[in-house]
């Protein structure tokens, strides 16, 4: 029997194509669990995997999609049985190993997590790596002392996937969320997620000449990096932390050690790819408990496999609002 998958192929040295093709199970890579995929999603890395020079894909042909959720079809591992619902994020799936833009996947059992109680496969993919990273960042900030009564928490790139989910969760937990966006048309959307204030990107996306500015933020969840992250570090309150998730604004950090030495601030790096199983379970439990599902549903735009390549280009340009869910069987 055949199934459909979005296959990226390399054409020469500097060109790739992404086309839905029919495949057979004997073409799937090695693994001990086969999953009938129901949903995937679109992340920044997925956009890179569908373009030439993205730097993540080593071998072609390739099936991208760094996240997926579905039902176990067969398993050689006692932890999973046919019919079990599972979710996968990270582990370089969709980068080095064939991923979720397919109706079937074969992966290692160690990479899977049982579907969190209270969430559907569609909802877990509305969350995806973006939401998983967001809750990891919130957990890290809380573990370093962040509490709702300490003042505003800044969320950069707030209208994107990570920022949208972070805003909704933080607001639901009682935090005052200052949401940074360069798209004024997303103001109503961000306020509907719970943002108490909108901060224009131009207000904070420049390098300050002073290493320390007035203390403004009790914490920050940053998906941008670059000059914006450097500016935020100099505006954190004494002992506060910023959780760094992304680098949409660049990988360089034009900052100073002075905020760390004189204000005792913390820069927390968040990796969502190689998290151990126990931390994954903890994060998914928090997502099921702390993310208002009615707000999650308001973020979702559902597409099919054919539409994914164009959306990969859009997410690289910062033009995606909320969360894209890919129905691989549509």
Protein backbone atom coordinates (compact mmCIF):
# COMPACT_ATOMS: atom_id res chain seq x y z
CA UNK A 1 0.00 0.00 0.00
CA UNK A 2 1.16 3.52 -0.75
CA UNK A 3 0.84 6.69 1.26
CA UNK A 4 1.42 10.38 0.58
CA UNK A 5 4.35 12.46 1.79
CA UNK A 6 5.88 15.83 1.00
CA UNK A 7 9.28 14.97 -0.42
CA UNK A 8 12.11 17.48 -0.77
CA UNK A 9 14.61 16.69 -3.52
CA UNK A 10 17.80 18.46 -4.48
CA UNK A 11 18.12 19.68 -8.06
CA UNK A 12 21.73 20.57 -8.69
CA UNK A 13 23.84 22.43 -6.13
CA UNK A 14 21.58 25.37 -5.29
CA UNK A 15 17.97 24.36 -5.89
CA UNK A 16 15.49 22.10 -4.13
CA UNK A 17 11.87 21.16 -4.82
CA UNK A 18 9.14 20.06 -2.41
CA UNK A 19 6.35 17.98 -3.96
CA UNK A 20 3.73 15.57 -2.59
CA UNK A 21 4.58 12.05 -3.74
CA UNK A 22 3.34 8.49 -3.23
CA UNK A 23 5.70 6.29 -1.18
CA UNK A 24 5.70 2.75 0.17
CA UNK A 25 6.54 1.57 3.69
CA UNK A 26 9.78 -0.07 2.59
CA UNK A 27 11.05 3.44 1.78
CA UNK A 28 10.68 4.58 5.40
CA UNK A 29 13.89 4.95 7.44
CA UNK A 30 14.93 2.63 10.25
CA UNK A 31 13.03 2.66 13.54
CA UNK A 32 11.11 0.38 15.87
CA UNK A 33 7.71 2.13 15.87
CA UNK A 34 5.55 2.90 12.84
CA UNK A 35 3.02 5.70 13.29
CA UNK A 36 -0.02 6.60 11.19
CA UNK A 37 0.31 10.38 11.29
CA UNK A 38 -2.78 12.52 11.71
CA UNK A 39 -1.37 16.03 12.06
CA UNK A 40 1.87 17.97 11.79
CA UNK A 41 2.63 21.68 11.92
CA UNK A 42 4.86 24.37 10.38
CA UNK A 43 7.87 25.70 12.28
CA UNK A 44 10.79 27.95 11.37
CA UNK A 45 13.03 24.90 10.98
CA UNK A 46 10.54 23.37 8.57
CA UNK A 47 10.90 26.43 6.37
CA UNK A 48 14.68 25.98 6.40
CA UNK A 49 14.33 22.29 5.49
CA UNK A 50 12.34 23.15 2.38
CA UNK A 51 14.79 25.68 0.97
CA UNK A 52 18.23 25.44 -0.57
CA UNK A 53 21.00 26.40 1.82
CA UNK A 54 18.90 25.92 4.94
CA UNK A 55 21.73 23.94 6.50
CA UNK A 56 19.63 21.32 8.31
CA UNK A 57 19.07 18.55 5.75
CA UNK A 58 22.06 16.32 5.01
CA UNK A 59 20.60 13.73 2.63
CA UNK A 60 18.03 13.83 -0.16
CA UNK A 61 15.31 12.86 -0.93
CA UNK A 62 13.96 13.99 2.42
CA UNK A 63 10.61 14.25 4.21
CA UNK A 64 10.54 17.33 6.49
CA UNK A 65 8.23 18.07 9.42
CA UNK A 66 9.86 18.33 12.85
CA UNK A 67 6.60 17.57 14.71
CA UNK A 68 3.83 15.02 14.34
CA UNK A 69 1.04 13.32 16.25
CA UNK A 70 -0.86 10.18 15.39
CA UNK A 71 -1.61 6.53 16.18
CA UNK A 72 0.86 3.67 16.57
CA UNK A 73 0.40 1.12 13.78
CA UNK A 74 3.11 -1.32 14.82
CA UNK A 75 5.77 -1.42 17.51
CA UNK A 76 8.79 -3.56 18.39
CA UNK A 77 9.04 -1.74 21.74
CA UNK A 78 6.93 -2.85 24.71
CA UNK A 79 6.21 0.76 25.72
CA UNK A 80 3.89 1.26 22.74
CA UNK A 81 1.13 -0.84 21.27
CA UNK A 82 -0.99 -0.51 18.12
CA UNK A 83 -3.72 2.04 18.77
CA UNK A 84 -1.69 4.17 21.21
CA UNK A 85 -1.82 7.92 20.54
CA UNK A 86 1.61 9.56 20.49
CA UNK A 87 3.30 12.88 19.85
CA UNK A 88 6.83 13.60 18.63
CA UNK A 89 8.83 16.83 18.71
CA UNK A 90 12.57 17.29 18.29
CA UNK A 91 15.35 14.66 18.14
CA UNK A 92 16.36 16.02 14.69
CA UNK A 93 13.32 14.33 13.16
CA UNK A 94 12.37 16.28 10.05
CA UNK A 95 16.01 17.38 9.75
CA UNK A 96 18.24 14.28 9.69
CA UNK A 97 15.47 11.69 9.99
CA UNK A 98 12.30 11.66 7.89
CA UNK A 99 9.58 13.64 9.61
CA UNK A 100 5.91 14.48 9.90
CA UNK A 101 4.90 15.74 6.45
CA UNK A 102 3.72 12.26 5.64
CA UNK A 103 0.85 9.90 6.34
CA UNK A 104 3.31 7.44 7.93
CA UNK A 105 6.54 7.66 9.91
CA UNK A 106 8.97 5.13 11.35
CA UNK A 107 10.96 6.35 14.37
CA UNK A 108 12.67 5.24 17.57
CA UNK A 109 10.37 4.61 20.52
CA UNK A 110 12.64 6.78 22.69
CA UNK A 111 11.58 9.82 20.65
CA UNK A 112 7.86 9.43 21.33
CA UNK A 113 5.69 10.71 24.18
CA UNK A 114 2.21 9.33 24.93
CA UNK A 115 -0.49 11.79 23.95
CA UNK A 116 -1.08 14.05 26.98
CA UNK A 117 -4.37 13.45 28.75
CA UNK A 118 -6.90 16.13 27.82
CA UNK A 119 -5.36 16.96 24.43
CA UNK A 120 -6.21 15.66 20.96
CA UNK A 121 -3.64 15.00 18.23
CA UNK A 122 -4.87 18.15 16.47
CA UNK A 123 -4.36 20.24 19.60
CA UNK A 124 -0.89 18.84 20.26
CA UNK A 125 0.14 19.92 16.78
CA UNK A 126 -1.40 23.33 17.28
CA UNK A 127 1.03 23.44 20.20
CA UNK A 128 3.94 21.62 18.53
CA UNK A 129 7.58 22.54 19.04
CA UNK A 130 6.61 26.21 19.37
CA UNK A 131 4.38 25.61 22.37
CA UNK A 132 6.71 22.98 23.80
CA UNK A 133 9.56 25.51 23.70
CA UNK A 134 7.32 28.19 25.19
CA UNK A 135 6.38 26.11 28.22
CA UNK A 136 10.01 25.03 28.72
CA UNK A 137 10.92 28.72 28.83
CA UNK A 138 8.14 29.51 31.31
CA UNK A 139 9.21 26.59 33.52
CA UNK A 140 12.82 27.82 33.43
CA UNK A 141 11.76 31.37 34.33
CA UNK A 142 9.62 30.10 37.21
CA UNK A 143 12.42 27.82 38.42
CA UNK A 144 14.56 30.99 38.61
CA UNK A 145 12.02 32.79 40.77
CA UNK A 146 9.53 34.45 38.40
CA UNK A 147 6.14 35.10 40.01
CA UNK A 148 3.00 36.88 38.74
CA UNK A 149 3.20 39.68 41.34
CA UNK A 150 6.64 40.91 40.25
CA UNK A 151 5.57 43.07 37.30
CA UNK A 152 5.41 42.83 33.54
CA UNK A 153 6.83 39.88 31.61
CA UNK A 154 8.01 40.73 28.12
CA UNK A 155 7.30 38.36 25.22
CA UNK A 156 9.14 39.16 21.99
CA UNK A 157 7.95 37.96 18.59
CA UNK A 158 4.60 37.69 20.32
CA UNK A 159 2.41 37.13 17.26
CA UNK A 160 4.46 34.12 16.10
CA UNK A 161 3.91 30.54 17.18
CA UNK A 162 6.13 30.58 20.29
CA UNK A 163 5.03 34.05 21.32
CA UNK A 164 1.32 33.38 20.84
CA UNK A 165 1.32 30.32 23.07
CA UNK A 166 3.60 31.95 25.64
CA UNK A 167 1.30 34.98 25.82
CA UNK A 168 -1.79 32.82 26.31
CA UNK A 169 -0.18 30.66 29.02
CA UNK A 170 1.39 33.54 30.95
CA UNK A 171 -1.87 35.51 30.93
CA UNK A 172 -3.78 32.45 32.09
CA UNK A 173 -1.32 32.06 34.99
CA UNK A 174 -1.96 35.65 36.09
CA UNK A 175 1.09 37.41 34.64
CA UNK A 176 0.99 40.88 33.09
CA UNK A 177 2.20 40.29 29.54
CA UNK A 178 3.84 43.01 27.47
CA UNK A 179 3.77 41.66 23.91
CA UNK A 180 6.32 42.89 21.36
CA UNK A 181 5.29 42.94 17.70
CA UNK A 182 6.28 44.74 14.52
CA UNK A 183 2.86 44.12 13.01
CA UNK A 184 0.29 46.61 14.36
CA UNK A 185 -2.50 44.61 12.73
CA UNK A 186 -1.93 41.84 15.30
CA UNK A 187 -2.82 44.08 18.26
CA UNK A 188 -6.38 42.79 18.67
CA UNK A 189 -5.18 39.20 18.25
CA UNK A 190 -2.55 39.57 20.99
CA UNK A 191 -4.98 41.24 23.37
CA UNK A 192 -7.43 38.41 22.78
CA UNK A 193 -4.69 36.02 23.96
CA UNK A 194 -4.33 38.01 27.17
CA UNK A 195 -1.60 40.59 26.47
CA UNK A 196 -2.08 43.56 28.79
CA UNK A 197 0.13 45.88 26.72
CA UNK A 198 1.51 46.00 23.19
CA UNK A 199 5.12 47.13 22.69
CA UNK A 200 6.11 48.26 19.20
CA UNK A 201 9.14 46.38 17.90
CA UNK A 202 10.88 49.65 16.93
CA UNK A 203 10.78 50.71 20.58
CA UNK A 204 13.08 47.91 21.65
CA UNK A 205 14.85 46.57 18.55
CA UNK A 206 17.93 48.78 18.75
CA UNK A 207 21.19 48.51 20.62
CA UNK A 208 21.41 50.95 23.52
CA UNK A 209 24.60 52.94 24.06
CA UNK A 210 24.23 52.26 27.79
CA UNK A 211 24.71 48.74 29.19
CA UNK A 212 22.04 49.43 31.83
CA UNK A 213 18.72 51.19 31.41
CA UNK A 214 15.75 51.69 33.72
CA UNK A 215 14.51 48.41 35.19
CA UNK A 216 11.34 47.45 33.32
CA UNK A 217 10.76 43.69 33.06
CA UNK A 218 10.37 41.03 35.74
CA UNK A 219 11.23 38.44 33.09
CA UNK A 220 11.33 37.92 29.36
CA UNK A 221 10.61 35.11 26.94
CA UNK A 222 12.62 35.97 23.83
CA UNK A 223 12.14 34.38 20.42
CA UNK A 224 14.10 37.02 18.48
CA UNK A 225 17.68 37.26 19.73
CA UNK A 226 20.09 39.78 18.24
CA UNK A 227 19.84 43.46 19.13
CA UNK A 228 16.45 43.02 20.80
CA UNK A 229 17.73 40.44 23.26
CA UNK A 230 20.74 42.63 24.07
CA UNK A 231 18.44 45.59 24.76
CA UNK A 232 16.15 43.51 26.98
CA UNK A 233 19.08 42.27 29.09
CA UNK A 234 19.87 45.86 30.01
CA UNK A 235 16.24 46.52 31.00
CA UNK A 236 15.65 43.52 33.28
CA UNK A 237 14.89 44.09 36.93
CA UNK A 238 17.43 43.06 39.54
CA UNK A 239 17.83 39.26 39.59
CA UNK A 240 15.39 38.75 36.71
CA UNK A 241 15.86 36.29 33.85
CA UNK A 242 15.35 36.13 30.11
CA UNK A 243 14.72 32.77 28.45
CA UNK A 244 16.22 32.71 24.95
CA UNK A 245 14.33 30.50 22.51
CA UNK A 246 15.01 31.77 18.99
CA UNK A 247 17.16 33.90 16.71
CA UNK A 248 14.77 35.36 14.17
CA UNK A 249 16.55 38.69 14.68
CA UNK A 250 20.05 37.27 14.38
CA UNK A 251 22.54 35.10 16.24
CA UNK A 252 24.87 37.88 17.37
CA UNK A 253 24.46 39.28 20.88
CA UNK A 254 25.80 42.87 21.07
CA UNK A 255 25.57 43.06 24.84
CA UNK A 256 27.78 43.61 27.89
CA UNK A 257 28.59 41.62 31.01
CA UNK A 258 27.61 44.61 33.16
CA UNK A 259 23.91 43.67 33.58
CA UNK A 260 24.99 40.23 34.77
CA UNK A 261 27.53 41.65 37.23
CA UNK A 262 25.63 44.65 38.59
CA UNK A 263 22.03 43.41 38.45
CA UNK A 264 22.55 39.67 38.75
CA UNK A 265 20.34 38.95 35.73
CA UNK A 266 20.22 35.53 34.09
CA UNK A 267 20.27 34.46 30.44
CA UNK A 268 18.61 31.04 30.19
CA UNK A 269 19.12 28.99 27.04
CA UNK A 270 16.13 26.87 26.00
CA UNK A 271 16.64 23.75 23.90
CA UNK A 272 13.53 21.87 22.81
CA UNK A 273 15.26 19.23 20.67
CA UNK A 274 17.18 16.95 23.04
CA UNK A 275 15.09 17.23 26.21
CA UNK A 276 14.95 13.98 28.23
CA UNK A 277 11.69 12.04 28.47
CA UNK A 278 10.88 13.11 32.05
CA UNK A 279 11.16 16.80 31.19
CA UNK A 280 9.02 16.26 28.10
CA UNK A 281 6.30 14.66 30.18
CA UNK A 282 6.48 17.52 32.68
CA UNK A 283 6.20 20.10 29.90
CA UNK A 284 3.26 18.39 28.19
CA UNK A 285 1.41 18.09 31.51
CA UNK A 286 1.88 21.82 32.04
CA UNK A 287 0.62 22.54 28.53
CA UNK A 288 -2.49 20.44 29.07
CA UNK A 289 -3.18 22.22 32.38
CA UNK A 290 -2.07 25.82 31.74
CA UNK A 291 -2.88 26.58 28.09
CA UNK A 292 -6.49 27.73 27.62
CA UNK A 293 -7.75 25.49 24.81
CA UNK A 294 -10.28 28.04 23.61
CA UNK A 295 -7.40 30.44 22.96
CA UNK A 296 -5.39 27.68 21.32
CA UNK A 297 -8.25 26.98 18.93
CA UNK A 298 -8.33 30.67 18.00
CA UNK A 299 -4.67 30.49 16.88
CA UNK A 300 -5.13 27.58 14.47
CA UNK A 301 -5.17 27.63 10.68
CA UNK A 302 -5.47 24.14 9.15
CA UNK A 303 -3.82 23.33 5.80
CA UNK A 304 -2.99 20.25 3.70
CA UNK A 305 0.38 18.94 2.51
CA UNK A 306 0.20 20.73 -0.85
CA UNK A 307 0.01 24.12 0.90
CA UNK A 308 3.03 23.56 3.15
CA UNK A 309 5.93 24.68 0.88
CA UNK A 310 4.49 28.17 0.42
CA UNK A 311 3.91 28.46 4.17
CA UNK A 312 7.51 27.42 4.82
CA UNK A 313 8.60 30.45 2.83
CA UNK A 314 6.17 32.69 4.71
CA UNK A 315 7.34 31.62 8.16
CA UNK A 316 10.96 32.40 7.24
CA UNK A 317 9.82 35.93 6.37
CA UNK A 318 8.00 36.35 9.69
CA UNK A 319 4.57 36.53 8.07
CA UNK A 320 2.80 33.72 9.92
CA UNK A 321 0.39 34.57 12.73
CA UNK A 322 -0.49 31.96 15.32
CA UNK A 323 -0.19 28.26 14.57
CA UNK A 324 -0.42 26.29 11.33
CA UNK A 325 -1.74 22.75 11.68
CA UNK A 326 -1.10 20.37 8.77
CA UNK A 327 -3.76 17.71 8.20
CA UNK A 328 -1.66 15.14 6.33
CA UNK A 329 -4.76 13.16 5.33
CA UNK A 330 -6.72 16.06 3.84
